[in-house]
Every structure is written in structure tokens, then in C-alpha cells.
Amino acid sequence: MKCAICMQAFMCTAKSAQLRAHVDSKHAKEDPLKCFPSIPAMEAAEAAAAATAAAKPPMPKKDAPKKASKKGGDLDALLMEGLNVGGKKK
């Protein structure tokens, strides 16, 4: 996205609110559509995405994380055991 007046570039993920803030701060006397003709389409897409997100049921919460199995022991013990295997080479 580029401002048509000052040619300042914006990331493709910029929201219409960010573009309007640029127009308000840099080009207060200009029409926002003169700087960014795609603002109405962006606002319509953002509104549709917000409506879709609001219509989805909330994701179920996951249970508490599972504890490490006693079979493997804790990670420090496993690391130390791995370092002690093999011994020194002669």
C-alpha cells in the first residue's frame, strides 16, 4: 500500500485505521480517498471478517498440560545419563 500523495509505503497487512491515521496526521486537508482509494473496500472486508469471527463459536479450552511420565524421568537426569554413557576413549 502506498499513499498517492507522499508515496509512503505501508505493509500489506495494514488496517484501514492505520491508513486513516496517516491521512489525518500527514494530509489533514486532503480527502482520505485521494490518498488511499482502496479504503472503502478494506473497511468492507474488515467488517465482513469481524462478523465471521463473531459468528464462530469459541474454541474449547484445552485441559491442563500433561505431566511428564515417570518412565522417562526428568530431563536433567536424562541428560546426565546420556553424558555418562560410553565413558572415556583410550
PDB file of N, CA and C in Angstrom:
ATOM      1  N   MET A   1       0.850  -1.166   0.000  1.00  0.00           N
ATOM      2  CA  MET A   1       0.000   0.000   0.000  1.00  0.00           C
ATOM      3  C   MET A   1       0.900   1.235   0.000  1.00  0.00           C
ATOM      4  N   LYS A   2       0.582   2.181  -0.855  1.00  0.00           N
ATOM      5  CA  LYS A   2       1.320   3.440  -0.917  1.00  0.00           C
ATOM      6  C   LYS A   2       0.354   4.600  -0.900  1.00  0.00           C
ATOM      7  N   CYS A   3       0.737   5.636  -0.173  1.00  0.00           N
ATOM      8  CA  CYS A   3      -0.031   6.869  -0.178  1.00  0.00           C
ATOM      9  C   CYS A   3       0.179   7.528  -1.539  1.00  0.00           C
ATOM     10  N   ALA A   4      -0.897   7.922  -2.184  1.00  0.00           N
ATOM     11  CA  ALA A   4      -0.803   8.516  -3.516  1.00  0.00           C
ATOM     12  C   ALA A   4      -0.208   9.920  -3.480  1.00  0.00           C
ATOM     13  N   ILE A   5      -0.206  10.570  -2.336  1.00  0.00           N
ATOM     14  CA  ILE A   5       0.313  11.936  -2.251  1.00  0.00           C
ATOM     15  C   ILE A   5       1.805  11.939  -1.914  1.00  0.00           C
ATOM     16  N   CYS A   6       2.191  11.316  -0.798  1.00  0.00           N
ATOM     17  CA  CYS A   6       3.595  11.373  -0.357  1.00  0.00           C
ATOM     18  C   CYS A   6       4.377  10.103  -0.683  1.00  0.00           C
ATOM     19  N   MET A   7       3.713   9.099  -1.214  1.00  0.00           N
ATOM     20  CA  MET A   7       4.324   7.826  -1.610  1.00  0.00           C
ATOM     21  C   MET A   7       4.920   7.033  -0.441  1.00  0.00           C
ATOM     22  N   GLN A   8       4.433   7.281   0.768  1.00  0.00           N
ATOM     23  CA  GLN A   8       4.877   6.487   1.910  1.00  0.00           C
ATOM     24  C   GLN A   8       4.300   5.092   1.772  1.00  0.00           C
ATOM     25  N   ALA A   9       5.153   4.089   1.942  1.00  0.00           N
ATOM     26  CA  ALA A   9       4.728   2.702   1.797  1.00  0.00           C
ATOM     27  C   ALA A   9       4.243   2.148   3.132  1.00  0.00           C
ATOM     28  N   PHE A  10       3.242   1.292   3.072  1.00  0.00           N
ATOM     29  CA  PHE A  10       2.699   0.596   4.232  1.00  0.00           C
ATOM     30  C   PHE A  10       2.706  -0.887   3.929  1.00  0.00           C
ATOM     31  N   MET A  11       2.804  -1.684   4.974  1.00  0.00           N
ATOM     32  CA  MET A  11       2.795  -3.135   4.794  1.00  0.00           C
ATOM     33  C   MET A  11       1.431  -3.582   4.259  1.00  0.00           C
ATOM     34  N   CYS A  12       1.417  -4.710   3.594  1.00  0.00           N
ATOM     35  CA  CYS A  12       0.167  -5.213   3.036  1.00  0.00           C
ATOM     36  C   CYS A  12      -0.821  -5.613   4.132  1.00  0.00           C
ATOM     37  N   THR A  13      -0.350  -5.765   5.358  1.00  0.00           N
ATOM     38  CA  THR A  13      -1.226  -6.140   6.474  1.00  0.00           C
ATOM     39  C   THR A  13      -1.785  -4.924   7.204  1.00  0.00           C
ATOM     40  N   ALA A  14      -1.516  -3.726   6.701  1.00  0.00           N
ATOM     41  CA  ALA A  14      -2.003  -2.501   7.350  1.00  0.00           C
ATOM     42  C   ALA A  14      -3.528  -2.477   7.333  1.00  0.00           C
ATOM     43  N   LYS A  15      -4.105  -2.031   8.412  1.00  0.00           N
ATOM     44  CA  LYS A  15      -5.560  -1.911   8.525  1.00  0.00           C
ATOM     45  C   LYS A  15      -5.996  -0.526   8.057  1.00  0.00           C
ATOM     46  N   SER A  16      -7.275  -0.407   7.775  1.00  0.00           N
ATOM     47  CA  SER A  16      -7.797   0.870   7.300  1.00  0.00           C
ATOM     48  C   SER A  16      -7.638   1.963   8.358  1.00  0.00           C
ATOM     49  N   ALA A  17      -7.674   1.595   9.633  1.00  0.00           N
ATOM     50  CA  ALA A  17      -7.489   2.581  10.703  1.00  0.00           C
ATOM     51  C   ALA A  17      -6.088   3.188  10.657  1.00  0.00           C
ATOM     52  N   GLN A  18      -5.085   2.374  10.334  1.00  0.00           N
ATOM     53  CA  GLN A  18      -3.718   2.886  10.216  1.00  0.00           C
ATOM     54  C   GLN A  18      -3.602   3.841   9.035  1.00  0.00           C
ATOM     55  N   LEU A  19      -4.265   3.507   7.941  1.00  0.00           N
ATOM     56  CA  LEU A  19      -4.213   4.375   6.773  1.00  0.00           C
ATOM     57  C   LEU A  19      -4.929   5.692   7.048  1.00  0.00           C
ATOM     58  N   ARG A  20      -6.064   5.616   7.729  1.00  0.00           N
ATOM     59  CA  ARG A  20      -6.784   6.848   8.072  1.00  0.00           C
ATOM     60  C   ARG A  20      -5.979   7.710   9.046  1.00  0.00           C
ATOM     61  N   ALA A  21      -5.261   7.074   9.955  1.00  0.00           N
ATOM     62  CA  ALA A  21      -4.411   7.826  10.883  1.00  0.00           C
ATOM     63  C   ALA A  21      -3.303   8.561  10.123  1.00  0.00           C
ATOM     64  N   HIS A  22      -2.759   7.922   9.091  1.00  0.00           N
ATOM     65  CA  HIS A  22      -1.749   8.573   8.261  1.00  0.00           C
ATOM     66  C   HIS A  22      -2.340   9.797   7.566  1.00  0.00           C
ATOM     67  N   VAL A  23      -3.532   9.630   7.019  1.00  0.00           N
ATOM     68  CA  VAL A  23      -4.187  10.746   6.320  1.00  0.00           C
ATOM     69  C   VAL A  23      -4.462  11.878   7.301  1.00  0.00           C
ATOM     70  N   ASP A  24      -4.944  11.554   8.496  1.00  0.00           N
ATOM     71  CA  ASP A  24      -5.257  12.585   9.496  1.00  0.00           C
ATOM     72  C   ASP A  24      -4.010  13.337   9.943  1.00  0.00           C
ATOM     73  N   SER A  25      -2.897  12.633  10.094  1.00  0.00           N
ATOM     74  CA  SER A  25      -1.699  13.288  10.619  1.00  0.00           C
ATOM     75  C   SER A  25      -0.879  13.988   9.535  1.00  0.00           C
ATOM     76  N   LYS A  26      -0.809  13.425   8.334  1.00  0.00           N
ATOM     77  CA  LYS A  26       0.064  13.986   7.299  1.00  0.00           C
ATOM     78  C   LYS A  26      -0.683  14.850   6.284  1.00  0.00           C
ATOM     79  N   HIS A  27      -1.907  14.466   5.963  1.00  0.00           N
ATOM     80  CA  HIS A  27      -2.662  15.145   4.907  1.00  0.00           C
ATOM     81  C   HIS A  27      -4.053  15.517   5.406  1.00  0.00           C
ATOM     82  N   ALA A  28      -4.115  16.276   6.462  1.00  0.00           N
ATOM     83  CA  ALA A  28      -5.379  16.588   7.123  1.00  0.00           C
ATOM     84  C   ALA A  28      -6.358  17.310   6.212  1.00  0.00           C
ATOM     85  N   LYS A  29      -5.862  18.089   5.263  1.00  0.00           N
ATOM     86  CA  LYS A  29      -6.753  18.858   4.389  1.00  0.00           C
ATOM     87  C   LYS A  29      -7.220  18.060   3.176  1.00  0.00           C
ATOM     88  N   GLU A  30      -6.647  16.883   2.962  1.00  0.00           N
ATOM     89  CA  GLU A  30      -6.989  16.071   1.794  1.00  0.00           C
ATOM     90  C   GLU A  30      -8.082  15.051   2.135  1.00  0.00           C
ATOM     91  N   ASP A  31      -8.746  14.595   1.093  1.00  0.00           N
ATOM     92  CA  ASP A  31      -9.741  13.541   1.221  1.00  0.00           C
ATOM     93  C   ASP A  31      -9.009  12.208   1.393  1.00  0.00           C
ATOM     94  N   PRO A  32      -9.411  11.372   2.340  1.00  0.00           N
ATOM     95  CA  PRO A  32      -8.728  10.085   2.528  1.00  0.00           C
ATOM     96  C   PRO A  32      -8.728   9.213   1.270  1.00  0.00           C
ATOM     97  N   LEU A  33      -9.780   9.334   0.463  1.00  0.00           N
ATOM     98  CA  LEU A  33      -9.851   8.533  -0.755  1.00  0.00           C
ATOM     99  C   LEU A  33      -8.839   8.994  -1.803  1.00  0.00           C
ATOM    100  N   LYS A  34      -8.367  10.213  -1.687  1.00  0.00           N
ATOM    101  CA  LYS A  34      -7.346  10.689  -2.611  1.00  0.00           C
ATOM    102  C   LYS A  34      -6.017  10.007  -2.289  1.00  0.00           C
ATOM    103  N   CYS A  35      -5.745   9.787  -1.027  1.00  0.00           N
ATOM    104  CA  CYS A  35      -4.515   9.104  -0.628  1.00  0.00           C
ATOM    105  C   CYS A  35      -4.602   7.597  -0.854  1.00  0.00           C
ATOM    106  N   PHE A  36      -5.676   7.011  -0.421  1.00  0.00           N
ATOM    107  CA  PHE A  36      -5.854   5.563  -0.495  1.00  0.00           C
ATOM    108  C   PHE A  36      -7.237   5.260  -1.075  1.00  0.00           C
ATOM    109  N   PRO A  37      -7.357   5.075  -2.370  1.00  0.00           N
ATOM    110  CA  PRO A  37      -8.660   4.786  -2.977  1.00  0.00           C
ATOM    111  C   PRO A  37      -9.265   3.453  -2.528  1.00  0.00           C
ATOM    112  N   SER A  38      -8.453   2.568  -1.963  1.00  0.00           N
ATOM    113  CA  SER A  38      -8.949   1.248  -1.580  1.00  0.00           C
ATOM    114  C   SER A  38      -9.501   1.187  -0.155  1.00  0.00           C
ATOM    115  N   ILE A  39      -9.569   2.300   0.552  1.00  0.00           N
ATOM    116  CA  ILE A  39     -10.062   2.295   1.937  1.00  0.00           C
ATOM    117  C   ILE A  39     -11.488   1.740   2.056  1.00  0.00           C
ATOM    118  N   PRO A  40     -12.453   2.119   1.215  1.00  0.00           N
ATOM    119  CA  PRO A  40     -13.807   1.563   1.388  1.00  0.00           C
ATOM    120  C   PRO A  40     -13.847   0.037   1.238  1.00  0.00           C
ATOM    121  N   ALA A  41     -13.091  -0.493   0.282  1.00  0.00           N
ATOM    122  CA  ALA A  41     -13.062  -1.946   0.101  1.00  0.00           C
ATOM    123  C   ALA A  41     -12.410  -2.631   1.302  1.00  0.00           C
ATOM    124  N   MET A  42     -11.358  -2.007   1.833  1.00  0.00           N
ATOM    125  CA  MET A  42     -10.693  -2.570   3.002  1.00  0.00           C
ATOM    126  C   MET A  42     -11.624  -2.591   4.208  1.00  0.00           C
ATOM    127  N   GLU A  43     -12.356  -1.499   4.418  1.00  0.00           N
ATOM    128  CA  GLU A  43     -13.275  -1.438   5.558  1.00  0.00           C
ATOM    129  C   GLU A  43     -14.389  -2.463   5.430  1.00  0.00           C
ATOM    130  N   ALA A  44     -14.877  -2.681   4.204  1.00  0.00           N
ATOM    131  CA  ALA A  44     -15.917  -3.687   3.991  1.00  0.00           C
ATOM    132  C   ALA A  44     -15.373  -5.083   4.287  1.00  0.00           C
ATOM    133  N   ALA A  45     -14.149  -5.357   3.844  1.00  0.00           N
ATOM    134  CA  ALA A  45     -13.543  -6.667   4.099  1.00  0.00           C
ATOM    135  C   ALA A  45     -13.280  -6.879   5.583  1.00  0.00           C
ATOM    136  N   GLU A  46     -12.832  -5.838   6.273  1.00  0.00           N
ATOM    137  CA  GLU A  46     -12.584  -5.940   7.714  1.00  0.00           C
ATOM    138  C   GLU A  46     -13.882  -6.163   8.478  1.00  0.00           C
ATOM    139  N   ALA A  47     -14.953  -5.503   8.060  1.00  0.00           N
ATOM    140  CA  ALA A  47     -16.246  -5.683   8.714  1.00  0.00           C
ATOM    141  C   ALA A  47     -16.769  -7.100   8.494  1.00  0.00           C
ATOM    142  N   ALA A  48     -16.589  -7.618   7.274  1.00  0.00           N
ATOM    143  CA  ALA A  48     -17.030  -8.984   6.988  1.00  0.00           C
ATOM    144  C   ALA A  48     -16.228  -9.995   7.800  1.00  0.00           C
ATOM    145  N   ALA A  49     -14.930  -9.765   7.933  1.00  0.00           N
ATOM    146  CA  ALA A  49     -14.099 -10.678   8.711  1.00  0.00           C
ATOM    147  C   ALA A  49     -14.482 -10.627  10.189  1.00  0.00           C
ATOM    148  N   ALA A  50     -14.794  -9.447  10.689  1.00  0.00           N
ATOM    149  CA  ALA A  50     -15.198  -9.318  12.087  1.00  0.00           C
ATOM    150  C   ALA A  50     -16.539 -10.010  12.332  1.00  0.00           C
ATOM    151  N   ALA A  51     -17.452  -9.902  11.378  1.00  0.00           N
ATOM    152  CA  ALA A  51     -18.748 -10.560  11.519  1.00  0.00           C
ATOM    153  C   ALA A  51     -18.593 -12.081  11.488  1.00  0.00           C
ATOM    154  N   THR A  52     -17.723 -12.562  10.639  1.00  0.00           N
ATOM    155  CA  THR A  52     -17.476 -14.000  10.557  1.00  0.00           C
ATOM    156  C   THR A  52     -16.841 -14.504  11.847  1.00  0.00           C
ATOM    157  N   ALA A  53     -15.897 -13.744  12.378  1.00  0.00           N
ATOM    158  CA  ALA A  53     -15.239 -14.145  13.621  1.00  0.00           C
ATOM    159  C   ALA A  53     -16.219 -14.133  14.785  1.00  0.00           C
ATOM    160  N   ALA A  54     -17.151 -13.188  14.783  1.00  0.00           N
ATOM    161  CA  ALA A  54     -18.131 -13.118  15.862  1.00  0.00           C
ATOM    162  C   ALA A  54     -19.140 -14.267  15.776  1.00  0.00           C
ATOM    163  N   ALA A  55     -19.393 -14.756  14.567  1.00  0.00           N
ATOM    164  CA  ALA A  55     -20.375 -15.817  14.380  1.00  0.00           C
ATOM    165  C   ALA A  55     -19.819 -17.185  14.753  1.00  0.00           C
ATOM    166  N   LYS A  56     -18.493 -17.347  14.755  1.00  0.00           N
ATOM    167  CA  LYS A  56     -17.904 -18.644  15.081  1.00  0.00           C
ATOM    168  C   LYS A  56     -18.043 -18.913  16.572  1.00  0.00           C
ATOM    169  N   PRO A  57     -18.290 -20.170  16.925  1.00  0.00           N
ATOM    170  CA  PRO A  57     -18.340 -20.498  18.352  1.00  0.00           C
ATOM    171  C   PRO A  57     -16.926 -20.429  18.927  1.00  0.00           C
ATOM    172  N   PRO A  58     -16.801 -20.111  20.196  1.00  0.00           N
ATOM    173  CA  PRO A  58     -15.472 -20.017  20.797  1.00  0.00           C
ATOM    174  C   PRO A  58     -14.779 -21.372  20.810  1.00  0.00           C
ATOM    175  N   MET A  59     -13.474 -21.343  20.701  1.00  0.00           N
ATOM    176  CA  MET A  59     -12.684 -22.573  20.727  1.00  0.00           C
ATOM    177  C   MET A  59     -12.728 -23.162  22.126  1.00  0.00           C
ATOM    178  N   PRO A  60     -12.841 -24.493  22.225  1.00  0.00           N
ATOM    179  CA  PRO A  60     -12.835 -25.095  23.561  1.00  0.00           C
ATOM    180  C   PRO A  60     -11.457 -24.954  24.189  1.00  0.00           C
ATOM    181  N   LYS A  61     -11.448 -24.751  25.503  1.00  0.00           N
ATOM    182  CA  LYS A  61     -10.182 -24.622  26.207  1.00  0.00           C
ATOM    183  C   LYS A  61      -9.554 -25.992  26.367  1.00  0.00           C
ATOM    184  N   LYS A  62      -8.248 -26.025  26.218  1.00  0.00           N
ATOM    185  CA  LYS A  62      -7.533 -27.282  26.381  1.00  0.00           C
ATOM    186  C   LYS A  62      -7.358 -27.563  27.863  1.00  0.00           C
ATOM    187  N   ASP A  63      -7.249 -28.852  28.175  1.00  0.00           N
ATOM    188  CA  ASP A  63      -7.008 -29.251  29.552  1.00  0.00           C
ATOM    189  C   ASP A  63      -5.603 -28.838  29.964  1.00  0.00           C
ATOM    190  N   ALA A  64      -5.336 -28.960  31.223  1.00  0.00           N
ATOM    191  CA  ALA A  64      -4.007 -28.631  31.746  1.00  0.00           C
ATOM    192  C   ALA A  64      -2.975 -29.510  31.050  1.00  0.00           C
ATOM    193  N   PRO A  65      -1.762 -29.017  30.878  1.00  0.00           N
ATOM    194  CA  PRO A  65      -0.741 -29.815  30.205  1.00  0.00           C
ATOM    195  C   PRO A  65      -0.474 -31.114  30.965  1.00  0.00           C
ATOM    196  N   LYS A  66      -0.185 -32.146  30.197  1.00  0.00           N
ATOM    197  CA  LYS A  66       0.060 -33.445  30.806  1.00  0.00           C
ATOM    198  C   LYS A  66       1.416 -33.442  31.494  1.00  0.00           C
ATOM    199  N   LYS A  67       1.471 -34.158  32.600  1.00  0.00           N
ATOM    200  CA  LYS A  67       2.729 -34.272  33.325  1.00  0.00           C
ATOM    201  C   LYS A  67       3.629 -35.250  32.592  1.00  0.00           C
ATOM    202  N   ALA A  68       4.927 -35.056  32.750  1.00  0.00           N
ATOM    203  CA  ALA A  68       5.889 -35.977  32.147  1.00  0.00           C
ATOM    204  C   ALA A  68       5.709 -37.349  32.782  1.00  0.00           C
ATOM    205  N   SER A  69       5.863 -38.374  31.985  1.00  0.00           N
ATOM    206  CA  SER A  69       5.684 -39.717  32.521  1.00  0.00           C
ATOM    207  C   SER A  69       6.844 -40.064  33.441  1.00  0.00           C
ATOM    208  N   LYS A  70       6.580 -40.881  34.418  1.00  0.00           N
ATOM    209  CA  LYS A  70       7.613 -41.274  35.367  1.00  0.00           C
ATOM    210  C   LYS A  70       8.613 -42.216  34.716  1.00  0.00           C
ATOM    211  N   LYS A  71       8.216 -42.837  33.628  1.00  0.00           N
ATOM    212  CA  LYS A  71       9.081 -43.779  32.945  1.00  0.00           C
ATOM    213  C   LYS A  71      10.341 -43.080  32.435  1.00  0.00           C
ATOM    214  N   GLY A  72      10.192 -41.861  31.910  1.00  0.00           N
ATOM    215  CA  GLY A  72      11.318 -41.146  31.342  1.00  0.00           C
ATOM    216  C   GLY A  72      12.114 -40.369  32.369  1.00  0.00           C
ATOM    217  N   GLY A  73      11.544 -40.038  33.490  1.00  0.00           N
ATOM    218  CA  GLY A  73      12.232 -39.235  34.485  1.00  0.00           C
ATOM    219  C   GLY A  73      12.315 -37.785  34.044  1.00  0.00           C
ATOM    220  N   ASP A  74      13.023 -36.986  34.803  1.00  0.00           N
ATOM    221  CA  ASP A  74      13.129 -35.586  34.425  1.00  0.00           C
ATOM    222  C   ASP A  74      14.243 -35.404  33.391  1.00  0.00           C
ATOM    223  N   LEU A  75      14.230 -34.285  32.713  1.00  0.00           N
ATOM    224  CA  LEU A  75      15.142 -34.059  31.600  1.00  0.00           C
ATOM    225  C   LEU A  75      16.590 -33.939  32.046  1.00  0.00           C
ATOM    226  N   ASP A  76      16.841 -33.343  33.197  1.00  0.00           N
ATOM    227  CA  ASP A  76      18.216 -33.212  33.685  1.00  0.00           C
ATOM    228  C   ASP A  76      18.832 -34.590  33.921  1.00  0.00           C
ATOM    229  N   ALA A  77      18.064 -35.484  34.501  1.00  0.00           N
ATOM    230  CA  ALA A  77      18.583 -36.831  34.758  1.00  0.00           C
ATOM    231  C   ALA A  77      18.872 -37.540  33.441  1.00  0.00           C
ATOM    232  N   LEU A  78      18.011 -37.366  32.466  1.00  0.00           N
ATOM    233  CA  LEU A  78      18.239 -37.991  31.166  1.00  0.00           C
ATOM    234  C   LEU A  78      19.485 -37.431  30.501  1.00  0.00           C
ATOM    235  N   LEU A  79      19.680 -36.133  30.603  1.00  0.00           N
ATOM    236  CA  LEU A  79      20.849 -35.509  30.009  1.00  0.00           C
ATOM    237  C   LEU A  79      22.123 -36.024  30.671  1.00  0.00           C
ATOM    238  N   MET A  80      22.146 -36.053  31.983  1.00  0.00           N
ATOM    239  CA  MET A  80      23.329 -36.526  32.699  1.00  0.00           C
ATOM    240  C   MET A  80      23.598 -37.991  32.391  1.00  0.00           C
ATOM    241  N   GLU A  81      22.552 -38.778  32.251  1.00  0.00           N
ATOM    242  CA  GLU A  81      22.730 -40.184  31.929  1.00  0.00           C
ATOM    243  C   GLU A  81      23.327 -40.330  30.535  1.00  0.00           C
ATOM    244  N   GLY A  82      22.870 -39.490  29.615  1.00  0.00           N
ATOM    245  CA  GLY A  82      23.408 -39.548  28.253  1.00  0.00           C
ATOM    246  C   GLY A  82      24.861 -39.106  28.204  1.00  0.00           C
ATOM    247  N   LEU A  83      25.264 -38.172  29.071  1.00  0.00           N
ATOM    248  CA  LEU A  83      26.642 -37.691  29.082  1.00  0.00           C
ATOM    249  C   LEU A  83      27.570 -38.737  29.699  1.00  0.00           C
ATOM    250  N   ASN A  84      27.064 -39.559  30.595  1.00  0.00           N
ATOM    251  CA  ASN A  84      27.889 -40.553  31.268  1.00  0.00           C
ATOM    252  C   ASN A  84      28.023 -41.849  30.486  1.00  0.00           C
ATOM    253  N   VAL A  85      27.230 -42.062  29.461  1.00  0.00           N
ATOM    254  CA  VAL A  85      27.269 -43.310  28.692  1.00  0.00           C
ATOM    255  C   VAL A  85      28.518 -43.315  27.831  1.00  0.00           C
ATOM    256  N   GLY A  86      29.172 -44.448  27.756  1.00  0.00           N
ATOM    257  CA  GLY A  86      30.322 -44.591  26.872  1.00  0.00           C
ATOM    258  C   GLY A  86      31.644 -44.373  27.558  1.00  0.00           C
ATOM    259  N   GLY A  87      31.709 -43.549  28.527  1.00  0.00           N
ATOM    260  CA  GLY A  87      32.960 -43.292  29.241  1.00  0.00           C
ATOM    261  C   GLY A  87      34.013 -42.643  28.371  1.00  0.00           C
ATOM    262  N   LYS A  88      35.251 -42.661  28.810  1.00  0.00           N
ATOM    263  CA  LYS A  88      36.340 -42.031  28.091  1.00  0.00           C
ATOM    264  C   LYS A  88      36.947 -43.012  27.094  1.00  0.00           C
ATOM    265  N   LYS A  89      37.388 -42.506  25.963  1.00  0.00           N
ATOM    266  CA  LYS A  89      38.086 -43.338  24.985  1.00  0.00           C
ATOM    267  C   LYS A  89      39.559 -43.393  25.349  1.00  0.00           C
ATOM    268  N   LYS A  90      40.160 -44.548  25.138  1.00  0.00           N
ATOM    269  CA  LYS A  90      41.589 -44.692  25.445  1.00  0.00           C
ATOM    270  C   LYS A  90      42.405 -44.700  24.184  1.00  0.00           C
TER     271      LYS A  90
END
